Amino acid sequence: MARTARKVAKARARTSRARSSARDALALTRSFPCAAARGVTLIELLVVIAIMGVLAALVVPMLGGGVSTTELKGAARQLASGLRLARSEAMATRQERFVTLDLAGRRFMVGSDPRAHPLPKDVELKLFTAQQDLVDDKIGAIRFYPDGGSNGGRITLAAGERKFEVDVDWLTGRIAILD
């Protein structure tokens, strides 16, 4: 029996200690409300900073003006399409055809078609072609022969750091877009 009484006394002492510590903590939070508030951990702070960094990386390029990469690539494809059209017209009609490029006006004309095909305003154009097909420093042409060949050349479309080059092979007249 003495053994049981000791166990009961120990159990009471344990519960009374637990109750008194809970009461003390409750009294402490009532007298000092700031003691119950917890601060921000370093991990939480790093997670928030990482999320802000990812959002900034996504939003900042959207805010910048100028020509997008997609628009620049589309302009290069449009120009390459005009060059291919002139080449196929030269082969079909058995006559020379030109693609005339106006660097200052940022537009080009294909063969005998009077329509001018505009390119984006913010695109910088450079033309490298045969000397005989340069009218002046702002207007030039690429010539296609009836056999499918060409005088060759390269047209560079650039916007900032990005650029695409439309290359015309002099022997075969093949047109390729280079990054």
C-alpha atoms as a PDB file:
ATOM      1  CA  MET A   1       0.000   0.000   0.000  1.00  0.00           C
ATOM      2  CA  ALA A   2       2.839   2.381   0.744  1.00  0.00           C
ATOM      3  CA  ARG A   3       3.977   1.851  -2.768  1.00  0.00           C
ATOM      4  CA  THR A   4       0.619   2.964  -4.205  1.00  0.00           C
ATOM      5  CA  ALA A   5       0.542   6.077  -2.015  1.00  0.00           C
ATOM      6  CA  ARG A   6       3.946   7.116  -3.325  1.00  0.00           C
ATOM      7  CA  LYS A   7       2.757   6.746  -6.948  1.00  0.00           C
ATOM      8  CA  VAL A   8      -0.343   8.827  -6.235  1.00  0.00           C
ATOM      9  CA  ALA A   9       1.773  11.542  -4.586  1.00  0.00           C
ATOM     10  CA  LYS A  10       4.162  11.652  -7.565  1.00  0.00           C
ATOM     11  CA  ALA A  11       1.271  11.889 -10.039  1.00  0.00           C
ATOM     12  CA  ARG A  12      -0.291  14.779  -8.086  1.00  0.00           C
ATOM     13  CA  ALA A  13       3.025  16.588  -7.980  1.00  0.00           C
ATOM     14  CA  ARG A  14       3.438  16.193 -11.751  1.00  0.00           C
ATOM     15  CA  THR A  15      -0.039  17.505 -12.574  1.00  0.00           C
ATOM     16  CA  SER A  16       0.228  20.369 -10.154  1.00  0.00           C
ATOM     17  CA  ARG A  17       3.555  21.389 -11.720  1.00  0.00           C
ATOM     18  CA  ALA A  18       2.060  21.228 -15.239  1.00  0.00           C
ATOM     19  CA  ARG A  19      -0.976  23.222 -14.133  1.00  0.00           C
ATOM     20  CA  SER A  20       1.134  25.831 -12.400  1.00  0.00           C
ATOM     21  CA  SER A  21       3.438  26.265 -15.429  1.00  0.00           C
ATOM     22  CA  ALA A  22       0.420  26.629 -17.746  1.00  0.00           C
ATOM     23  CA  ARG A  23      -1.091  29.167 -15.341  1.00  0.00           C
ATOM     24  CA  ASP A  24       2.210  31.070 -15.226  1.00  0.00           C
ATOM     25  CA  ALA A  25       2.440  31.209 -19.043  1.00  0.00           C
ATOM     26  CA  LEU A  26      -1.172  32.404 -19.278  1.00  0.00           C
ATOM     27  CA  ALA A  27      -0.547  35.095 -16.703  1.00  0.00           C
ATOM     28  CA  LEU A  28       2.616  36.152 -18.518  1.00  0.00           C
ATOM     29  CA  THR A  29       0.785  36.569 -21.854  1.00  0.00           C
ATOM     30  CA  ARG A  30      -1.982  38.585 -20.198  1.00  0.00           C
ATOM     31  CA  SER A  31       0.472  40.985 -18.593  1.00  0.00           C
ATOM     32  CA  PHE A  32       2.842  41.162 -21.634  1.00  0.00           C
ATOM     33  CA  PRO A  33       0.914  40.688 -24.934  1.00  0.00           C
ATOM     34  CA  CYS A  34       4.113  41.053 -27.002  1.00  0.00           C
ATOM     35  CA  ALA A  35       5.658  38.027 -25.350  1.00  0.00           C
ATOM     36  CA  ALA A  36       3.148  35.735 -27.095  1.00  0.00           C
ATOM     37  CA  ALA A  37       3.815  37.243 -30.566  1.00  0.00           C
ATOM     38  CA  ARG A  38       6.510  35.533 -32.548  1.00  0.00           C
ATOM     39  CA  GLY A  39       8.941  37.110 -35.003  1.00  0.00           C
ATOM     40  CA  VAL A  40       9.583  36.189 -38.629  1.00  0.00           C
ATOM     41  CA  THR A  41      12.061  33.388 -39.101  1.00  0.00           C
ATOM     42  CA  LEU A  42      14.969  33.614 -41.469  1.00  0.00           C
ATOM     43  CA  ILE A  43      13.506  30.873 -43.686  1.00  0.00           C
ATOM     44  CA  GLU A  44      10.234  32.796 -44.088  1.00  0.00           C
ATOM     45  CA  LEU A  45      12.141  35.939 -44.968  1.00  0.00           C
ATOM     46  CA  LEU A  46      14.260  34.116 -47.586  1.00  0.00           C
ATOM     47  CA  VAL A  47      11.166  32.542 -49.170  1.00  0.00           C
ATOM     48  CA  VAL A  48       9.493  35.949 -49.526  1.00  0.00           C
ATOM     49  CA  ILE A  49      12.652  37.473 -51.039  1.00  0.00           C
ATOM     50  CA  ALA A  50      12.937  34.558 -53.502  1.00  0.00           C
ATOM     51  CA  ILE A  51       9.304  34.981 -54.596  1.00  0.00           C
ATOM     52  CA  MET A  52       9.829  38.715 -55.084  1.00  0.00           C
ATOM     53  CA  GLY A  53      12.940  38.009 -57.180  1.00  0.00           C
ATOM     54  CA  VAL A  54      11.087  35.581 -59.441  1.00  0.00           C
ATOM     55  CA  LEU A  55       8.229  38.046 -59.927  1.00  0.00           C
ATOM     56  CA  ALA A  56      10.648  40.871 -60.722  1.00  0.00           C
ATOM     57  CA  ALA A  57      12.440  38.684 -63.277  1.00  0.00           C
ATOM     58  CA  LEU A  58       9.130  37.992 -65.022  1.00  0.00           C
ATOM     59  CA  VAL A  59       7.681  41.514 -64.925  1.00  0.00           C
ATOM     60  CA  VAL A  60      10.697  43.702 -65.803  1.00  0.00           C
ATOM     61  CA  PRO A  61      11.145  42.391 -69.391  1.00  0.00           C
ATOM     62  CA  MET A  62       7.448  43.009 -70.051  1.00  0.00           C
ATOM     63  CA  LEU A  63       7.772  46.655 -69.074  1.00  0.00           C
ATOM     64  CA  GLY A  64      10.651  47.412 -71.431  1.00  0.00           C
ATOM     65  CA  GLY A  65       9.790  49.057 -74.722  1.00  0.00           C
ATOM     66  CA  GLY A  66      11.180  48.225 -78.113  1.00  0.00           C
ATOM     67  CA  VAL A  67      10.836  45.200 -80.299  1.00  0.00           C
ATOM     68  CA  SER A  68      10.159  41.797 -78.796  1.00  0.00           C
ATOM     69  CA  THR A  69      12.148  38.781 -79.930  1.00  0.00           C
ATOM     70  CA  THR A  70       9.018  37.338 -81.504  1.00  0.00           C
ATOM     71  CA  GLU A  71       8.401  40.513 -83.490  1.00  0.00           C
ATOM     72  CA  LEU A  72      12.033  40.612 -84.620  1.00  0.00           C
ATOM     73  CA  LYS A  73      11.933  36.965 -85.705  1.00  0.00           C
ATOM     74  CA  GLY A  74       8.643  37.635 -87.525  1.00  0.00           C
ATOM     75  CA  ALA A  75      10.232  40.528 -89.417  1.00  0.00           C
ATOM     76  CA  ALA A  76      13.164  38.288 -90.410  1.00  0.00           C
ATOM     77  CA  ARG A  77      10.737  35.619 -91.632  1.00  0.00           C
ATOM     78  CA  GLN A  78       8.728  38.200 -93.574  1.00  0.00           C
ATOM     79  CA  LEU A  79      11.895  39.436 -95.277  1.00  0.00           C
ATOM     80  CA  ALA A  80      13.046  35.877 -96.031  1.00  0.00           C
ATOM     81  CA  SER A  81       9.617  35.147 -97.505  1.00  0.00           C
ATOM     82  CA  GLY A  82       9.922  38.177 -99.804  1.00  0.00           C
ATOM     83  CA  LEU A  83      13.362  37.026-100.925  1.00  0.00           C
ATOM     84  CA  ARG A  84      12.067  33.513-101.664  1.00  0.00           C
ATOM     85  CA  LEU A  85       9.182  34.993-103.642  1.00  0.00           C
ATOM     86  CA  ALA A  86      11.574  37.061-105.770  1.00  0.00           C
ATOM     87  CA  ARG A  87      13.741  33.982-106.403  1.00  0.00           C
ATOM     88  CA  SER A  88      10.789  31.864-107.494  1.00  0.00           C
ATOM     89  CA  GLU A  89       9.481  34.704-109.727  1.00  0.00           C
ATOM     90  CA  ALA A  90      12.893  34.981-111.388  1.00  0.00           C
ATOM     91  CA  MET A  91      12.931  31.266-112.106  1.00  0.00           C
ATOM     92  CA  ALA A  92       9.299  31.198-113.317  1.00  0.00           C
ATOM     93  CA  THR A  93       9.497  34.230-115.618  1.00  0.00           C
ATOM     94  CA  ARG A  94      13.111  33.649-116.712  1.00  0.00           C
ATOM     95  CA  GLN A  95      13.919  37.269-115.878  1.00  0.00           C
ATOM     96  CA  GLU A  96      15.987  38.903-113.156  1.00  0.00           C
ATOM     97  CA  ARG A  97      14.069  39.992-110.062  1.00  0.00           C
ATOM     98  CA  PHE A  98      15.108  42.346-107.256  1.00  0.00           C
ATOM     99  CA  VAL A  99      14.238  42.769-103.627  1.00  0.00           C
ATOM    100  CA  THR A 100      14.780  46.454-102.929  1.00  0.00           C
ATOM    101  CA  LEU A 101      15.446  47.371 -99.331  1.00  0.00           C
ATOM    102  CA  ASP A 102      14.923  50.887 -97.968  1.00  0.00           C
ATOM    103  CA  LEU A 103      17.020  50.993 -94.793  1.00  0.00           C
ATOM    104  CA  ALA A 104      15.904  54.465 -93.690  1.00  0.00           C
ATOM    105  CA  GLY A 105      12.193  53.797 -94.303  1.00  0.00           C
ATOM    106  CA  ARG A 106      12.424  50.277 -92.842  1.00  0.00           C
ATOM    107  CA  ARG A 107      10.558  48.624 -95.696  1.00  0.00           C
ATOM    108  CA  PHE A 108      11.218  46.394 -98.702  1.00  0.00           C
ATOM    109  CA  MET A 109       9.681  45.786-102.138  1.00  0.00           C
ATOM    110  CA  VAL A 110       9.633  42.503-104.021  1.00  0.00           C
ATOM    111  CA  GLY A 111      10.166  42.341-107.777  1.00  0.00           C
ATOM    112  CA  SER A 112       7.653  44.284-109.855  1.00  0.00           C
ATOM    113  CA  ASP A 113       5.106  44.462-107.016  1.00  0.00           C
ATOM    114  CA  PRO A 114       4.612  48.164-106.177  1.00  0.00           C
ATOM    115  CA  ARG A 115       3.578  47.438-102.574  1.00  0.00           C
ATOM    116  CA  ALA A 116       6.081  48.253 -99.872  1.00  0.00           C
ATOM    117  CA  HIS A 117       6.269  45.752 -97.013  1.00  0.00           C
ATOM    118  CA  PRO A 118       6.901  47.625 -93.747  1.00  0.00           C
ATOM    119  CA  LEU A 119       9.155  46.340 -90.975  1.00  0.00           C
ATOM    120  CA  PRO A 120       8.905  47.318 -87.273  1.00  0.00           C
ATOM    121  CA  LYS A 121       9.981  50.907 -86.521  1.00  0.00           C
ATOM    122  CA  ASP A 122      12.534  50.075 -83.840  1.00  0.00           C
ATOM    123  CA  VAL A 123      14.419  47.507 -85.941  1.00  0.00           C
ATOM    124  CA  GLU A 124      17.889  48.477 -87.131  1.00  0.00           C
ATOM    125  CA  LEU A 125      18.646  47.240 -90.656  1.00  0.00           C
ATOM    126  CA  LYS A 126      21.996  46.610 -92.332  1.00  0.00           C
ATOM    127  CA  LEU A 127      22.489  45.427 -95.896  1.00  0.00           C
ATOM    128  CA  PHE A 128      25.566  43.723 -97.295  1.00  0.00           C
ATOM    129  CA  THR A 129      25.307  43.112-101.040  1.00  0.00           C
ATOM    130  CA  ALA A 130      27.132  43.629-104.337  1.00  0.00           C
ATOM    131  CA  GLN A 131      28.363  47.170-104.954  1.00  0.00           C
ATOM    132  CA  GLN A 132      26.466  47.458-108.249  1.00  0.00           C
ATOM    133  CA  ASP A 133      23.134  46.890-106.470  1.00  0.00           C
ATOM    134  CA  LEU A 134      23.616  49.670-103.909  1.00  0.00           C
ATOM    135  CA  VAL A 135      21.757  52.827-104.954  1.00  0.00           C
ATOM    136  CA  ASP A 136      23.125  54.800-101.996  1.00  0.00           C
ATOM    137  CA  ASP A 137      23.917  54.135 -98.344  1.00  0.00           C
ATOM    138  CA  LYS A 138      20.187  53.866 -97.467  1.00  0.00           C
ATOM    139  CA  ILE A 139      18.791  51.905-100.437  1.00  0.00           C
ATOM    140  CA  GLY A 140      20.061  48.668-101.913  1.00  0.00           C
ATOM    141  CA  ALA A 141      18.856  45.507-103.591  1.00  0.00           C
ATOM    142  CA  ILE A 142      19.484  41.808-103.802  1.00  0.00           C
ATOM    143  CA  ARG A 143      19.259  40.428-107.334  1.00  0.00           C
ATOM    144  CA  PHE A 144      17.978  36.960-108.303  1.00  0.00           C
ATOM    145  CA  TYR A 145      18.866  35.398-111.670  1.00  0.00           C
ATOM    146  CA  PRO A 146      16.662  33.144-113.857  1.00  0.00           C
ATOM    147  CA  ASP A 147      18.732  30.055-112.950  1.00  0.00           C
ATOM    148  CA  GLY A 148      17.874  30.546-109.244  1.00  0.00           C
ATOM    149  CA  GLY A 149      21.227  32.021-108.323  1.00  0.00           C
ATOM    150  CA  SER A 150      21.758  35.427-106.794  1.00  0.00           C
ATOM    151  CA  ASN A 151      24.317  38.169-106.335  1.00  0.00           C
ATOM    152  CA  GLY A 152      24.264  37.109-102.685  1.00  0.00           C
ATOM    153  CA  GLY A 153      24.165  39.187 -99.580  1.00  0.00           C
ATOM    154  CA  ARG A 154      23.122  39.467 -95.977  1.00  0.00           C
ATOM    155  CA  ILE A 155      20.443  41.563 -94.304  1.00  0.00           C
ATOM    156  CA  THR A 156      20.804  42.059 -90.560  1.00  0.00           C
ATOM    157  CA  LEU A 157      17.784  42.920 -88.432  1.00  0.00           C
ATOM    158  CA  ALA A 158      18.762  44.038 -84.926  1.00  0.00           C
ATOM    159  CA  ALA A 159      17.075  45.421 -81.834  1.00  0.00           C
ATOM    160  CA  GLY A 160      19.397  46.026 -78.896  1.00  0.00           C
ATOM    161  CA  GLU A 161      21.433  42.908 -78.164  1.00  0.00           C
ATOM    162  CA  ARG A 162      19.250  40.609 -80.294  1.00  0.00           C
ATOM    163  CA  LYS A 163      19.744  40.181 -84.010  1.00  0.00           C
ATOM    164  CA  PHE A 164      18.756  37.929 -86.880  1.00  0.00           C
ATOM    165  CA  GLU A 165      20.604  37.688 -90.178  1.00  0.00           C
ATOM    166  CA  VAL A 166      18.880  36.765 -93.418  1.00  0.00           C
ATOM    167  CA  ASP A 167      21.583  35.240 -95.578  1.00  0.00           C
ATOM    168  CA  VAL A 168      21.313  34.815 -99.370  1.00  0.00           C
ATOM    169  CA  ASP A 169      23.764  32.368-100.964  1.00  0.00           C
ATOM    170  CA  TRP A 170      25.258  33.773-104.168  1.00  0.00           C
ATOM    171  CA  LEU A 171      25.562  30.450-106.000  1.00  0.00           C
ATOM    172  CA  THR A 172      22.290  28.695-105.203  1.00  0.00           C
ATOM    173  CA  GLY A 173      20.129  31.642-104.107  1.00  0.00           C
ATOM    174  CA  ARG A 174      19.242  29.746-100.952  1.00  0.00           C
ATOM    175  CA  ILE A 175      17.812  31.955 -98.177  1.00  0.00           C
ATOM    176  CA  ALA A 176      18.536  31.157 -94.526  1.00  0.00           C
ATOM    177  CA  ILE A 177      17.754  32.923 -91.255  1.00  0.00           C
ATOM    178  CA  LEU A 178      20.699  32.898 -88.870  1.00  0.00           C
ATOM    179  CA  ASP A 179      20.444  33.685 -85.153  1.00  0.00           C
END
